[in-house]
N, C-alpha and C. Protein backbone atom coordinates (compact mmCIF):
# COMPACT_ATOMS: atom_id res chain seq x y z
N MET A 1 -11.20 0.89 6.14
CA MET A 1 -9.84 0.72 5.67
C MET A 1 -9.43 -0.73 5.92
N ARG A 2 -8.88 -1.34 4.89
CA ARG A 2 -8.42 -2.72 5.00
C ARG A 2 -6.91 -2.76 4.75
N TRP A 3 -6.27 -3.76 5.33
CA TRP A 3 -4.82 -3.93 5.19
C TRP A 3 -4.53 -5.32 4.66
N ILE A 4 -3.66 -5.41 3.67
CA ILE A 4 -3.20 -6.71 3.21
C ILE A 4 -2.25 -7.25 4.29
N LYS A 5 -2.29 -8.55 4.55
CA LYS A 5 -1.45 -9.13 5.61
C LYS A 5 0.03 -9.09 5.27
N GLN A 6 0.37 -9.37 4.03
CA GLN A 6 1.77 -9.35 3.59
C GLN A 6 2.09 -7.97 3.03
N LEU A 7 2.26 -7.01 3.89
CA LEU A 7 2.51 -5.64 3.46
C LEU A 7 3.85 -5.51 2.74
N TYR A 8 3.88 -4.69 1.71
CA TYR A 8 5.12 -4.31 1.05
C TYR A 8 5.63 -3.07 1.78
N MET A 9 6.89 -3.13 2.25
CA MET A 9 7.44 -2.01 3.02
C MET A 9 8.86 -1.70 2.61
N GLY A 10 9.21 -0.44 2.74
CA GLY A 10 10.59 -0.04 2.57
C GLY A 10 11.39 -0.47 3.78
N GLU A 11 12.70 -0.45 3.64
CA GLU A 11 13.59 -0.93 4.70
C GLU A 11 13.41 -0.16 6.01
N SER A 12 13.46 1.16 5.97
CA SER A 12 13.31 1.93 7.21
C SER A 12 11.87 1.92 7.70
N ALA A 13 10.91 1.81 6.79
CA ALA A 13 9.50 1.72 7.19
C ALA A 13 9.25 0.42 7.94
N GLU A 14 9.92 -0.64 7.53
CA GLU A 14 9.73 -1.93 8.20
C GLU A 14 10.22 -1.87 9.64
N ARG A 15 11.29 -1.12 9.87
CA ARG A 15 11.80 -0.98 11.25
C ARG A 15 10.81 -0.23 12.13
N LYS A 16 9.98 0.63 11.54
CA LYS A 16 8.99 1.42 12.29
C LYS A 16 7.57 0.95 11.99
N LYS A 17 7.44 -0.28 11.54
CA LYS A 17 6.16 -0.82 11.06
C LYS A 17 5.01 -0.57 12.04
N ASP A 18 5.17 -0.99 13.28
CA ASP A 18 4.08 -0.87 14.25
C ASP A 18 3.69 0.59 14.49
N ARG A 19 4.69 1.46 14.59
CA ARG A 19 4.42 2.88 14.82
C ARG A 19 3.68 3.50 13.63
N ILE A 20 4.09 3.13 12.42
CA ILE A 20 3.45 3.67 11.22
C ILE A 20 2.02 3.16 11.10
N ILE A 21 1.80 1.88 11.31
CA ILE A 21 0.44 1.32 11.23
C ILE A 21 -0.46 1.98 12.26
N ARG A 22 0.02 2.10 13.48
CA ARG A 22 -0.76 2.74 14.53
C ARG A 22 -1.05 4.20 14.18
N GLY A 23 -0.04 4.89 13.64
CA GLY A 23 -0.21 6.28 13.25
C GLY A 23 -1.25 6.45 12.16
N ILE A 24 -1.25 5.57 11.19
CA ILE A 24 -2.25 5.64 10.11
C ILE A 24 -3.64 5.35 10.67
N ARG A 25 -3.76 4.32 11.48
CA ARG A 25 -5.07 3.96 12.05
C ARG A 25 -5.62 5.06 12.95
N GLU A 26 -4.74 5.77 13.65
CA GLU A 26 -5.17 6.82 14.57
C GLU A 26 -5.16 8.20 13.93
N SER A 27 -4.97 8.27 12.62
CA SER A 27 -4.97 9.53 11.85
C SER A 27 -3.94 10.53 12.38
N ARG A 28 -2.78 10.04 12.74
CA ARG A 28 -1.70 10.92 13.18
C ARG A 28 -0.96 11.50 11.98
N ILE A 29 -0.26 12.58 12.21
CA ILE A 29 0.58 13.16 11.17
C ILE A 29 1.88 12.36 11.13
N LEU A 30 2.18 11.79 9.98
CA LEU A 30 3.41 11.03 9.77
C LEU A 30 4.17 11.69 8.63
N LEU A 31 5.29 12.27 8.94
CA LEU A 31 6.06 12.97 7.92
C LEU A 31 6.81 12.01 7.02
N ASP A 32 6.75 12.28 5.73
CA ASP A 32 7.52 11.55 4.73
C ASP A 32 7.18 10.05 4.66
N VAL A 33 5.94 9.70 4.99
CA VAL A 33 5.47 8.32 4.85
C VAL A 33 4.47 8.28 3.71
N TYR A 34 4.70 7.37 2.77
CA TYR A 34 3.82 7.20 1.61
C TYR A 34 3.14 5.84 1.70
N VAL A 35 1.88 5.80 1.30
CA VAL A 35 1.07 4.60 1.41
C VAL A 35 0.70 4.11 0.01
N PHE A 36 0.82 2.80 -0.20
CA PHE A 36 0.42 2.15 -1.45
C PHE A 36 -0.98 1.57 -1.23
N THR A 37 -1.92 1.92 -2.09
CA THR A 37 -3.27 1.40 -1.98
C THR A 37 -3.75 0.88 -3.33
N LEU A 38 -4.78 0.04 -3.28
CA LEU A 38 -5.43 -0.33 -4.53
C LEU A 38 -5.95 0.95 -5.15
N PRO A 39 -5.92 1.06 -6.47
CA PRO A 39 -6.28 2.32 -7.11
C PRO A 39 -7.77 2.63 -7.03
N GLU A 40 -8.05 3.91 -6.86
CA GLU A 40 -9.44 4.38 -6.84
C GLU A 40 -9.99 4.43 -8.27
N ASN A 41 -9.13 4.82 -9.21
CA ASN A 41 -9.50 4.93 -10.62
C ASN A 41 -9.26 3.58 -11.30
N PRO A 42 -10.25 3.02 -11.98
CA PRO A 42 -10.07 1.71 -12.62
C PRO A 42 -9.02 1.69 -13.73
N GLU A 43 -8.58 2.84 -14.19
CA GLU A 43 -7.56 2.92 -15.23
C GLU A 43 -6.14 2.81 -14.66
N ASP A 44 -5.99 3.04 -13.36
CA ASP A 44 -4.67 3.07 -12.73
C ASP A 44 -4.25 1.69 -12.23
N GLN A 45 -2.95 1.54 -12.02
CA GLN A 45 -2.39 0.29 -11.51
C GLN A 45 -2.35 0.28 -9.98
N LEU A 46 -2.05 1.44 -9.40
CA LEU A 46 -1.78 1.54 -7.97
C LEU A 46 -1.85 3.01 -7.59
N ASP A 47 -2.26 3.31 -6.37
CA ASP A 47 -2.20 4.68 -5.87
C ASP A 47 -1.08 4.75 -4.84
N ILE A 48 -0.28 5.80 -4.94
CA ILE A 48 0.77 6.08 -3.95
C ILE A 48 0.47 7.47 -3.42
N ILE A 49 0.13 7.54 -2.14
CA ILE A 49 -0.30 8.81 -1.56
C ILE A 49 0.46 9.10 -0.27
N PRO A 50 0.67 10.38 0.05
CA PRO A 50 1.24 10.71 1.35
C PRO A 50 0.29 10.23 2.45
N SER A 51 0.83 9.66 3.50
CA SER A 51 -0.02 9.10 4.56
C SER A 51 -0.93 10.16 5.18
N ASN A 52 -0.51 11.40 5.19
CA ASN A 52 -1.32 12.46 5.79
C ASN A 52 -2.63 12.68 5.04
N TRP A 53 -2.67 12.31 3.77
CA TRP A 53 -3.92 12.43 3.01
C TRP A 53 -5.00 11.52 3.59
N LEU A 54 -4.60 10.45 4.25
CA LEU A 54 -5.58 9.51 4.82
C LEU A 54 -6.38 10.15 5.95
N ARG A 55 -5.96 11.30 6.41
CA ARG A 55 -6.68 12.03 7.46
C ARG A 55 -7.88 12.78 6.88
N GLN A 56 -7.91 12.96 5.57
CA GLN A 56 -9.00 13.68 4.92
C GLN A 56 -10.25 12.81 4.89
N SER A 57 -11.41 13.45 4.95
CA SER A 57 -12.68 12.70 4.99
C SER A 57 -12.86 11.83 3.74
N HIS A 58 -12.35 12.28 2.61
CA HIS A 58 -12.46 11.50 1.38
C HIS A 58 -11.88 10.09 1.56
N TYR A 59 -10.75 10.00 2.24
CA TYR A 59 -10.11 8.70 2.46
C TYR A 59 -10.66 8.00 3.70
N LYS A 60 -10.94 8.75 4.75
CA LYS A 60 -11.46 8.15 5.99
C LYS A 60 -12.77 7.40 5.75
N ASN A 61 -13.58 7.91 4.84
CA ASN A 61 -14.90 7.32 4.60
C ASN A 61 -14.89 6.23 3.54
N ARG A 62 -13.74 5.88 3.01
CA ARG A 62 -13.65 4.83 1.99
C ARG A 62 -13.40 3.48 2.65
N GLU A 63 -14.46 2.74 2.88
CA GLU A 63 -14.32 1.43 3.52
C GLU A 63 -13.55 0.45 2.65
N GLU A 64 -13.65 0.61 1.33
CA GLU A 64 -12.98 -0.32 0.41
C GLU A 64 -11.50 0.01 0.22
N LEU A 65 -11.00 1.05 0.86
CA LEU A 65 -9.59 1.41 0.74
C LEU A 65 -8.74 0.26 1.27
N THR A 66 -7.89 -0.29 0.42
CA THR A 66 -7.03 -1.41 0.81
C THR A 66 -5.58 -0.97 0.74
N ILE A 67 -4.90 -1.04 1.88
CA ILE A 67 -3.50 -0.64 1.96
C ILE A 67 -2.63 -1.86 1.63
N ILE A 68 -1.74 -1.66 0.66
CA ILE A 68 -0.85 -2.71 0.18
C ILE A 68 0.51 -2.61 0.87
N GLY A 69 0.90 -1.41 1.25
CA GLY A 69 2.20 -1.22 1.88
C GLY A 69 2.48 0.25 2.11
N PHE A 70 3.70 0.52 2.57
CA PHE A 70 4.10 1.91 2.81
C PHE A 70 5.62 2.02 2.79
N ALA A 71 6.07 3.25 2.67
CA ALA A 71 7.51 3.52 2.60
C ALA A 71 7.79 4.87 3.25
N ARG A 72 9.02 5.03 3.71
CA ARG A 72 9.46 6.32 4.27
C ARG A 72 10.40 6.97 3.27
N GLY A 73 9.95 8.06 2.70
CA GLY A 73 10.77 8.77 1.72
C GLY A 73 10.55 8.26 0.31
N TRP A 74 10.78 9.15 -0.65
CA TRP A 74 10.49 8.79 -2.04
C TRP A 74 11.44 7.72 -2.57
N GLU A 75 12.67 7.69 -2.08
CA GLU A 75 13.61 6.65 -2.53
C GLU A 75 13.09 5.26 -2.17
N GLU A 76 12.54 5.13 -0.97
CA GLU A 76 11.95 3.85 -0.57
C GLU A 76 10.72 3.52 -1.39
N VAL A 77 9.95 4.54 -1.75
CA VAL A 77 8.78 4.32 -2.60
C VAL A 77 9.22 3.62 -3.88
N GLU A 78 10.30 4.12 -4.47
CA GLU A 78 10.81 3.53 -5.71
C GLU A 78 11.24 2.08 -5.50
N CYS A 79 11.89 1.79 -4.38
CA CYS A 79 12.34 0.42 -4.09
C CYS A 79 11.15 -0.52 -3.90
N VAL A 80 10.14 -0.07 -3.17
CA VAL A 80 8.95 -0.90 -2.95
C VAL A 80 8.23 -1.13 -4.27
N LEU A 81 8.14 -0.10 -5.08
CA LEU A 81 7.48 -0.22 -6.38
C LEU A 81 8.22 -1.23 -7.27
N LEU A 82 9.54 -1.19 -7.25
CA LEU A 82 10.33 -2.17 -8.01
C LEU A 82 10.07 -3.60 -7.51
N ALA A 83 9.97 -3.76 -6.20
CA ALA A 83 9.68 -5.09 -5.63
C ALA A 83 8.30 -5.58 -6.06
N LEU A 84 7.32 -4.68 -6.05
CA LEU A 84 5.97 -5.04 -6.50
C LEU A 84 5.96 -5.47 -7.96
N VAL A 85 6.64 -4.71 -8.81
CA VAL A 85 6.70 -5.03 -10.23
C VAL A 85 7.43 -6.35 -10.45
N ALA A 86 8.53 -6.57 -9.73
CA ALA A 86 9.27 -7.83 -9.85
C ALA A 86 8.40 -9.02 -9.45
N ASP A 87 7.64 -8.88 -8.37
CA ASP A 87 6.74 -9.96 -7.94
C ASP A 87 5.64 -10.20 -8.96
N ALA A 88 5.11 -9.13 -9.54
CA ALA A 88 4.08 -9.27 -10.58
C ALA A 88 4.65 -9.98 -11.80
N MET A 89 5.86 -9.61 -12.20
CA MET A 89 6.51 -10.25 -13.35
C MET A 89 6.73 -11.74 -13.09
N LYS A 90 7.15 -12.06 -11.87
CA LYS A 90 7.41 -13.46 -11.53
C LYS A 90 6.10 -14.27 -11.52
N ALA A 91 5.04 -13.68 -11.00
CA ALA A 91 3.78 -14.40 -10.88
C ALA A 91 2.99 -14.47 -12.18
N LEU A 92 3.00 -13.37 -12.95
CA LEU A 92 2.13 -13.28 -14.12
C LEU A 92 2.87 -13.15 -15.45
N GLY A 93 4.16 -12.83 -15.38
CA GLY A 93 4.90 -12.58 -16.61
C GLY A 93 4.62 -11.22 -17.21
N THR A 94 3.98 -10.36 -16.45
CA THR A 94 3.64 -9.01 -16.91
C THR A 94 3.70 -8.05 -15.72
N PRO A 95 4.00 -6.78 -15.95
CA PRO A 95 4.06 -5.83 -14.84
C PRO A 95 2.69 -5.24 -14.48
N ASP A 96 1.62 -5.97 -14.72
CA ASP A 96 0.27 -5.51 -14.44
C ASP A 96 -0.02 -5.62 -12.94
N LEU A 97 0.23 -4.54 -12.22
CA LEU A 97 0.08 -4.56 -10.76
C LEU A 97 -1.35 -4.80 -10.33
N ARG A 98 -2.29 -4.21 -11.03
CA ARG A 98 -3.70 -4.38 -10.67
C ARG A 98 -4.09 -5.87 -10.69
N SER A 99 -3.72 -6.57 -11.74
CA SER A 99 -4.04 -8.00 -11.84
C SER A 99 -3.28 -8.80 -10.79
N TYR A 100 -2.02 -8.44 -10.55
CA TYR A 100 -1.22 -9.15 -9.56
C TYR A 100 -1.83 -8.99 -8.16
N LEU A 101 -2.20 -7.77 -7.80
CA LEU A 101 -2.76 -7.53 -6.47
C LEU A 101 -4.12 -8.20 -6.33
N LYS A 102 -4.90 -8.19 -7.38
CA LYS A 102 -6.20 -8.88 -7.35
C LYS A 102 -5.98 -10.38 -7.13
N LEU A 103 -5.00 -10.94 -7.84
CA LEU A 103 -4.66 -12.36 -7.68
C LEU A 103 -4.19 -12.64 -6.25
N LEU A 104 -3.32 -11.78 -5.76
CA LEU A 104 -2.79 -11.93 -4.41
C LEU A 104 -3.90 -11.90 -3.37
N LEU A 105 -4.82 -10.97 -3.50
CA LEU A 105 -5.92 -10.85 -2.55
C LEU A 105 -6.90 -12.02 -2.67
N THR A 106 -7.15 -12.48 -3.88
CA THR A 106 -8.09 -13.57 -4.10
C THR A 106 -7.53 -14.90 -3.62
N GLU A 107 -6.27 -15.18 -3.98
CA GLU A 107 -5.66 -16.47 -3.63
C GLU A 107 -5.53 -16.67 -2.14
N LYS A 108 -5.07 -15.66 -1.45
CA LYS A 108 -4.73 -15.84 -0.04
C LYS A 108 -5.81 -15.35 0.91
N GLU A 109 -6.86 -14.69 0.37
CA GLU A 109 -7.83 -14.06 1.26
C GLU A 109 -7.05 -13.27 2.30
N ASP A 110 -6.15 -12.45 1.81
CA ASP A 110 -5.07 -11.87 2.60
C ASP A 110 -5.35 -10.45 3.08
N VAL A 111 -6.52 -10.23 3.69
CA VAL A 111 -6.85 -8.87 4.10
C VAL A 111 -7.28 -8.86 5.56
N ASP A 112 -6.78 -7.87 6.29
CA ASP A 112 -7.22 -7.59 7.66
C ASP A 112 -8.03 -6.32 7.66
N ASP A 113 -9.00 -6.23 8.54
CA ASP A 113 -9.76 -4.98 8.69
C ASP A 113 -9.18 -4.19 9.83
């Protein structure tokens, strides 16, 4: 599992950032926390999954899983998604999140393991 250094976070998730990151790394149950990852399917722009799914072997064994951010509650998910799209529009002139995230990761070498 890899983490982008400049995580996208919801407002309340940012206040609990360290606890959420530790909880995800230690496979703890985190209620109402959603994680943004690079998409598994090449047709998709982004995956948004409940953090508890990361406890499943399918996700635990994915070394290439890159976490882009997280949010607490679906309302925050929508806010973070809007911020991602706005940043993509500003950088590329298009809401293509896949290309924006690839650019972000390539330009800054912005990943922690």
